[in-house]
N, C-alpha and C. Protein backbone atom coordinates (compact mmCIF):
# COMPACT_ATOMS: atom_id res chain seq x y z
N MET A 1 -40.03 188.89 -140.96
CA MET A 1 -39.85 187.35 -141.15
C MET A 1 -38.81 187.05 -140.01
N LYS A 2 -39.02 185.92 -139.44
CA LYS A 2 -38.36 185.55 -138.21
C LYS A 2 -37.03 184.85 -138.90
N LYS A 3 -36.02 184.98 -137.87
CA LYS A 3 -34.65 184.55 -138.18
C LYS A 3 -34.58 183.25 -138.65
N ILE A 4 -35.36 182.22 -138.09
CA ILE A 4 -35.40 180.96 -138.32
C ILE A 4 -36.10 180.75 -139.69
N GLU A 5 -37.09 181.54 -140.13
CA GLU A 5 -37.64 181.49 -141.35
C GLU A 5 -36.57 181.71 -142.58
N ILE A 6 -35.84 182.65 -142.19
CA ILE A 6 -34.79 183.15 -143.20
C ILE A 6 -33.78 182.08 -143.37
N LYS A 7 -33.23 181.39 -142.30
CA LYS A 7 -32.52 180.18 -142.32
C LYS A 7 -32.93 179.13 -143.21
N ILE A 8 -34.31 178.79 -142.77
CA ILE A 8 -35.06 177.85 -143.58
C ILE A 8 -35.11 177.95 -144.95
N GLU A 9 -35.43 179.20 -145.37
CA GLU A 9 -35.38 179.73 -146.79
C GLU A 9 -34.30 179.50 -147.43
N ARG A 10 -33.17 179.85 -146.71
CA ARG A 10 -31.68 179.47 -147.40
C ARG A 10 -31.39 178.10 -147.52
N THR A 11 -31.89 177.22 -146.52
CA THR A 11 -31.74 175.84 -146.65
C THR A 11 -32.53 175.36 -147.75
N ASN A 12 -33.77 175.68 -148.09
CA ASN A 12 -34.53 175.59 -149.16
C ASN A 12 -33.94 175.74 -150.45
N LYS A 13 -33.26 176.85 -150.50
CA LYS A 13 -32.39 177.22 -151.75
C LYS A 13 -31.44 176.14 -151.99
N LEU A 14 -30.78 175.77 -150.99
CA LEU A 14 -29.58 174.74 -151.02
C LEU A 14 -30.28 173.54 -151.58
N LEU A 15 -31.36 173.12 -151.13
CA LEU A 15 -32.24 171.99 -151.49
C LEU A 15 -32.41 172.02 -153.03
N ASP A 16 -32.97 173.23 -153.53
CA ASP A 16 -33.14 173.49 -154.80
C ASP A 16 -31.91 173.24 -155.70
N LYS A 17 -30.87 173.82 -155.29
CA LYS A 17 -29.60 173.62 -155.90
C LYS A 17 -29.20 172.11 -155.94
N ILE A 18 -29.24 171.26 -155.11
CA ILE A 18 -28.94 169.94 -155.02
C ILE A 18 -29.58 169.25 -156.07
N SER A 19 -30.93 169.43 -155.85
CA SER A 19 -32.16 168.96 -156.83
C SER A 19 -31.83 169.12 -158.37
N ASP A 20 -31.48 170.26 -158.63
CA ASP A 20 -31.10 170.70 -160.04
C ASP A 20 -29.79 170.03 -160.43
N ASN A 21 -28.88 169.97 -159.56
CA ASN A 21 -27.70 169.25 -159.85
C ASN A 21 -28.07 167.81 -160.18
N LEU A 22 -28.78 167.16 -159.33
CA LEU A 22 -29.17 165.82 -159.71
C LEU A 22 -29.89 165.69 -160.98
N ASP A 23 -30.86 166.51 -161.18
CA ASP A 23 -31.65 166.59 -162.41
C ASP A 23 -30.67 166.51 -163.69
N ASN A 24 -29.59 167.37 -163.62
CA ASN A 24 -28.68 167.50 -164.73
C ASN A 24 -27.70 166.52 -164.88
N LEU A 25 -27.69 165.69 -163.86
CA LEU A 25 -26.43 164.62 -163.93
C LEU A 25 -26.58 163.71 -165.06
N ILE A 26 -25.53 163.55 -165.57
CA ILE A 26 -25.48 162.42 -166.74
C ILE A 26 -24.18 161.68 -166.69
N VAL A 27 -23.92 160.66 -167.34
CA VAL A 27 -22.80 159.83 -167.14
C VAL A 27 -21.44 160.59 -167.43
N GLU A 28 -21.61 161.44 -168.48
CA GLU A 28 -20.40 162.17 -168.99
C GLU A 28 -20.08 163.27 -167.95
N THR A 29 -20.91 163.75 -167.25
CA THR A 29 -20.64 164.67 -166.28
C THR A 29 -20.53 164.33 -164.79
N PHE A 30 -20.65 163.17 -164.49
CA PHE A 30 -20.67 162.53 -163.13
C PHE A 30 -19.42 162.87 -162.37
N ASP A 31 -18.20 162.66 -163.06
CA ASP A 31 -17.01 162.93 -162.35
C ASP A 31 -16.92 164.48 -161.93
N SER A 32 -17.26 165.40 -162.71
CA SER A 32 -17.03 166.80 -162.32
C SER A 32 -18.21 167.36 -161.45
N ALA A 33 -19.49 166.75 -161.66
CA ALA A 33 -20.52 167.28 -160.90
C ALA A 33 -20.86 166.60 -159.38
N SER A 34 -20.25 165.39 -159.28
CA SER A 34 -20.41 164.69 -157.85
C SER A 34 -19.67 165.42 -156.78
N PRO A 35 -18.41 166.09 -157.04
CA PRO A 35 -17.90 166.82 -155.92
C PRO A 35 -18.59 168.04 -155.44
N VAL A 36 -19.30 168.72 -156.57
CA VAL A 36 -20.24 169.95 -156.29
C VAL A 36 -21.37 169.45 -155.44
N ILE A 37 -21.98 168.20 -155.75
CA ILE A 37 -23.31 167.71 -155.11
C ILE A 37 -22.74 167.49 -153.73
N ALA A 38 -21.66 166.75 -153.48
CA ALA A 38 -21.18 166.44 -152.29
C ALA A 38 -20.99 167.68 -151.38
N LYS A 39 -20.32 168.72 -151.80
CA LYS A 39 -20.07 169.87 -151.24
C LYS A 39 -21.47 170.53 -150.79
N ASN A 40 -22.42 170.53 -151.65
CA ASN A 40 -23.77 171.20 -151.31
C ASN A 40 -24.34 170.33 -150.19
N MET A 41 -24.34 169.05 -150.35
CA MET A 41 -24.85 168.01 -149.16
C MET A 41 -24.16 168.34 -147.99
N LYS A 42 -22.89 168.58 -147.68
CA LYS A 42 -22.30 168.96 -146.58
C LYS A 42 -22.65 170.11 -146.13
N ALA A 43 -22.98 171.28 -146.90
CA ALA A 43 -23.41 172.61 -146.62
C ALA A 43 -24.76 172.54 -146.02
N LEU A 44 -25.59 171.57 -146.65
CA LEU A 44 -27.06 171.32 -146.17
C LEU A 44 -27.01 170.78 -144.69
N GLN A 45 -26.20 169.77 -144.50
CA GLN A 45 -26.07 169.24 -143.23
C GLN A 45 -25.73 170.10 -142.29
N LYS A 46 -24.76 171.09 -142.49
CA LYS A 46 -24.12 172.12 -141.57
C LYS A 46 -25.28 172.95 -141.36
N ALA A 47 -26.08 173.43 -142.23
CA ALA A 47 -27.08 174.37 -142.06
C ALA A 47 -28.26 173.84 -141.40
N LYS A 48 -28.58 172.61 -141.40
CA LYS A 48 -29.59 172.00 -140.52
C LYS A 48 -29.15 172.00 -139.22
N ASN A 49 -27.98 171.45 -138.94
CA ASN A 49 -27.42 171.36 -137.54
C ASN A 49 -27.39 172.78 -136.87
N GLU A 50 -27.00 173.97 -137.70
CA GLU A 50 -26.92 175.11 -137.12
C GLU A 50 -28.23 175.73 -136.73
N ILE A 51 -29.29 175.24 -137.50
CA ILE A 51 -30.62 175.77 -137.15
C ILE A 51 -31.13 174.86 -135.80
N ILE A 52 -30.88 173.75 -135.79
CA ILE A 52 -31.29 172.82 -134.53
C ILE A 52 -30.56 173.44 -133.35
N ASP A 53 -29.13 173.72 -133.53
CA ASP A 53 -28.37 174.15 -132.39
C ASP A 53 -28.98 175.45 -131.96
N GLU A 54 -29.15 176.31 -132.87
CA GLU A 54 -29.59 177.65 -132.33
C GLU A 54 -31.23 177.73 -131.98
N PHE A 55 -31.92 177.12 -132.69
CA PHE A 55 -33.48 177.06 -132.31
C PHE A 55 -34.18 176.08 -131.64
N GLY A 56 -33.51 174.70 -131.89
CA GLY A 56 -33.89 173.63 -131.27
C GLY A 56 -34.57 172.82 -132.14
N LEU A 57 -34.66 171.45 -131.85
CA LEU A 57 -35.30 170.51 -132.63
C LEU A 57 -36.83 170.75 -132.94
N GLU A 58 -37.51 171.15 -131.86
CA GLU A 58 -39.06 171.43 -131.98
C GLU A 58 -39.32 172.50 -132.95
N GLU A 59 -38.45 173.64 -132.98
CA GLU A 59 -38.67 174.85 -133.79
C GLU A 59 -38.29 174.36 -135.31
N PHE A 60 -37.17 173.59 -135.38
CA PHE A 60 -36.95 173.06 -136.65
C PHE A 60 -37.95 172.31 -137.21
N LEU A 61 -38.44 171.32 -136.41
CA LEU A 61 -39.58 170.59 -136.96
C LEU A 61 -40.82 171.45 -137.29
N LYS A 62 -41.16 172.28 -136.63
CA LYS A 62 -42.22 173.42 -136.93
C LYS A 62 -42.10 174.07 -137.98
N TYR A 63 -41.04 174.64 -138.21
CA TYR A 63 -40.78 175.43 -139.61
C TYR A 63 -40.19 174.69 -140.65
N GLY A 64 -39.58 173.68 -140.33
CA GLY A 64 -38.74 173.01 -141.38
C GLY A 64 -39.30 171.67 -141.88
N SER A 65 -40.40 171.37 -141.49
CA SER A 65 -41.18 169.95 -141.80
C SER A 65 -41.04 169.81 -143.14
N ASP A 66 -41.16 170.75 -144.19
CA ASP A 66 -41.06 170.67 -145.68
C ASP A 66 -39.68 170.44 -146.05
N LEU A 67 -38.53 170.88 -145.25
CA LEU A 67 -37.20 170.37 -145.53
C LEU A 67 -37.08 168.80 -145.50
N LEU A 68 -37.50 168.33 -144.56
CA LEU A 68 -37.52 166.86 -144.36
C LEU A 68 -37.97 166.18 -145.42
N ASN A 69 -39.32 166.54 -145.90
CA ASN A 69 -39.93 165.82 -147.11
C ASN A 69 -39.03 166.21 -148.35
N ARG A 70 -38.68 167.18 -148.57
CA ARG A 70 -37.74 167.62 -149.81
C ARG A 70 -36.58 166.69 -149.78
N ALA A 71 -35.93 166.64 -148.52
CA ALA A 71 -34.60 165.95 -148.42
C ALA A 71 -34.84 164.43 -148.83
N LYS A 72 -36.05 163.89 -148.31
CA LYS A 72 -36.38 162.46 -148.55
C LYS A 72 -36.61 162.39 -150.10
N LEU A 73 -37.22 163.32 -150.78
CA LEU A 73 -37.41 163.20 -152.15
C LEU A 73 -36.02 163.28 -152.90
N ILE A 74 -35.04 164.08 -152.52
CA ILE A 74 -33.79 164.18 -153.03
C ILE A 74 -33.14 162.83 -152.86
N GLY A 75 -33.21 162.16 -151.67
CA GLY A 75 -32.57 161.11 -151.38
C GLY A 75 -33.12 159.75 -152.37
N ARG A 76 -34.34 159.87 -152.55
CA ARG A 76 -34.98 158.86 -153.63
C ARG A 76 -34.42 159.26 -155.04
N LYS A 77 -34.36 160.56 -155.32
CA LYS A 77 -33.91 160.78 -156.73
C LYS A 77 -32.40 160.27 -156.83
N PHE A 78 -31.61 160.64 -155.81
CA PHE A 78 -30.34 160.06 -155.90
C PHE A 78 -30.19 158.48 -156.08
N ASP A 79 -31.13 157.83 -155.33
CA ASP A 79 -31.08 156.34 -155.39
C ASP A 79 -31.60 155.87 -156.90
N ASN A 80 -32.49 156.66 -157.52
CA ASN A 80 -32.81 156.35 -158.70
C ASN A 80 -31.70 156.58 -159.75
N ILE A 81 -31.00 157.82 -159.69
CA ILE A 81 -29.82 157.97 -160.37
C ILE A 81 -28.73 156.83 -160.30
N ILE A 82 -28.51 156.29 -158.99
CA ILE A 82 -27.53 155.34 -158.85
C ILE A 82 -28.10 154.03 -159.58
N GLY A 83 -29.38 153.73 -159.48
CA GLY A 83 -29.88 152.73 -160.21
C GLY A 83 -29.76 152.82 -161.60
N ILE A 84 -29.95 153.85 -162.13
CA ILE A 84 -29.83 154.12 -163.57
C ILE A 84 -28.24 153.84 -164.10
N PHE A 85 -27.33 154.45 -163.25
CA PHE A 85 -25.88 154.27 -163.51
C PHE A 85 -25.35 152.81 -163.36
N THR A 86 -26.12 152.13 -162.36
CA THR A 86 -25.60 150.77 -162.18
C THR A 86 -26.18 149.96 -163.30
N HIS A 87 -27.41 150.23 -163.88
CA HIS A 87 -27.91 149.42 -165.01
C HIS A 87 -27.06 149.72 -166.25
N GLU A 88 -26.53 150.87 -166.36
CA GLU A 88 -25.82 151.09 -167.68
C GLU A 88 -24.39 150.45 -167.43
N GLU A 89 -23.87 150.39 -166.19
CA GLU A 89 -22.68 149.70 -166.05
C GLU A 89 -22.77 148.09 -166.44
N GLU A 90 -23.79 147.64 -165.86
CA GLU A 90 -24.03 146.17 -166.02
C GLU A 90 -24.40 145.87 -167.54
N LYS A 91 -24.93 146.80 -168.50
CA LYS A 91 -25.18 146.75 -169.61
C LYS A 91 -23.89 146.75 -170.48
N LEU A 92 -22.93 147.72 -170.14
CA LEU A 92 -21.63 147.89 -170.74
C LEU A 92 -20.77 146.54 -170.51
N GLU A 93 -20.88 146.07 -169.27
CA GLU A 93 -20.15 145.02 -168.96
C GLU A 93 -20.65 143.60 -169.69
N LYS A 94 -21.83 143.56 -170.06
CA LYS A 94 -22.48 142.43 -170.75
C LYS A 94 -21.89 142.51 -172.31
N GLU A 95 -22.07 143.90 -172.82
CA GLU A 95 -21.61 143.94 -174.14
C GLU A 95 -20.06 143.66 -174.31
N LEU A 96 -19.28 143.99 -173.23
CA LEU A 96 -17.76 143.81 -173.24
C LEU A 96 -17.66 142.32 -173.29
N LEU A 97 -18.28 141.51 -172.47
CA LEU A 97 -18.02 140.08 -172.31
C LEU A 97 -18.54 139.51 -173.53
N SER A 98 -19.63 140.02 -174.27
CA SER A 98 -19.97 139.43 -175.34
C SER A 98 -19.16 139.62 -176.62
N TYR A 99 -18.48 140.89 -176.54
CA TYR A 99 -17.35 140.98 -177.36
C TYR A 99 -16.14 140.18 -177.23
N MET A 100 -15.68 140.05 -176.10
CA MET A 100 -14.45 139.15 -175.65
C MET A 100 -14.73 137.66 -176.09
N SER A 101 -16.03 137.16 -175.95
CA SER A 101 -16.37 135.71 -176.40
C SER A 101 -16.41 135.80 -177.85
N LYS A 102 -16.86 136.69 -178.54
CA LYS A 102 -16.88 136.65 -180.14
C LYS A 102 -15.30 136.73 -180.61
N LYS A 103 -14.71 137.50 -179.84
CA LYS A 103 -13.15 137.40 -180.14
C LYS A 103 -12.52 136.19 -179.90
N LYS A 104 -12.63 135.49 -178.99
CA LYS A 104 -12.26 134.23 -178.79
C LYS A 104 -12.56 133.14 -179.61
N ILE A 105 -13.95 133.28 -180.05
CA ILE A 105 -14.50 132.28 -181.05
C ILE A 105 -13.75 132.52 -182.37
N ALA A 106 -13.71 133.79 -182.69
CA ALA A 106 -13.07 134.19 -183.84
C ALA A 106 -11.56 133.60 -184.08
N ASN A 107 -10.70 133.79 -182.87
CA ASN A 107 -9.41 133.18 -182.74
C ASN A 107 -9.37 131.58 -182.86
N TYR A 108 -10.44 130.79 -182.33
CA TYR A 108 -10.48 129.51 -182.30
C TYR A 108 -10.71 128.96 -183.79
N LEU A 109 -11.53 129.72 -184.41
CA LEU A 109 -11.88 129.33 -185.93
C LEU A 109 -10.76 129.58 -186.96
N ARG A 110 -9.77 130.44 -186.49
CA ARG A 110 -8.65 130.70 -187.52
C ARG A 110 -7.80 129.28 -187.30
N TYR A 111 -7.77 128.70 -186.23
CA TYR A 111 -6.90 127.55 -186.16
C TYR A 111 -7.67 126.28 -186.67
């Protein structure tokens, strides 16, 4: 196995780890999981840059084209998670505003 293939395989494993972390991400674990995901993303960027520096962009594209596709899919997965979290935040905000309005109405009715 060529040296570049070994490095590509290590990078693939890093992508797997990031994908698994995103799959297991929930609101309750977001604060603890996001630093781990960020650390892995930085390691992924570093690994990609090392491959390009050592072997060149053409070799990276030749052997690592699958990496680029998987990275795009992970990016989409991350965007979907952000969308879900944003939706949950908006939902909670509406519930809180509704509760505050009901509380104000109850106070007005007392007087």
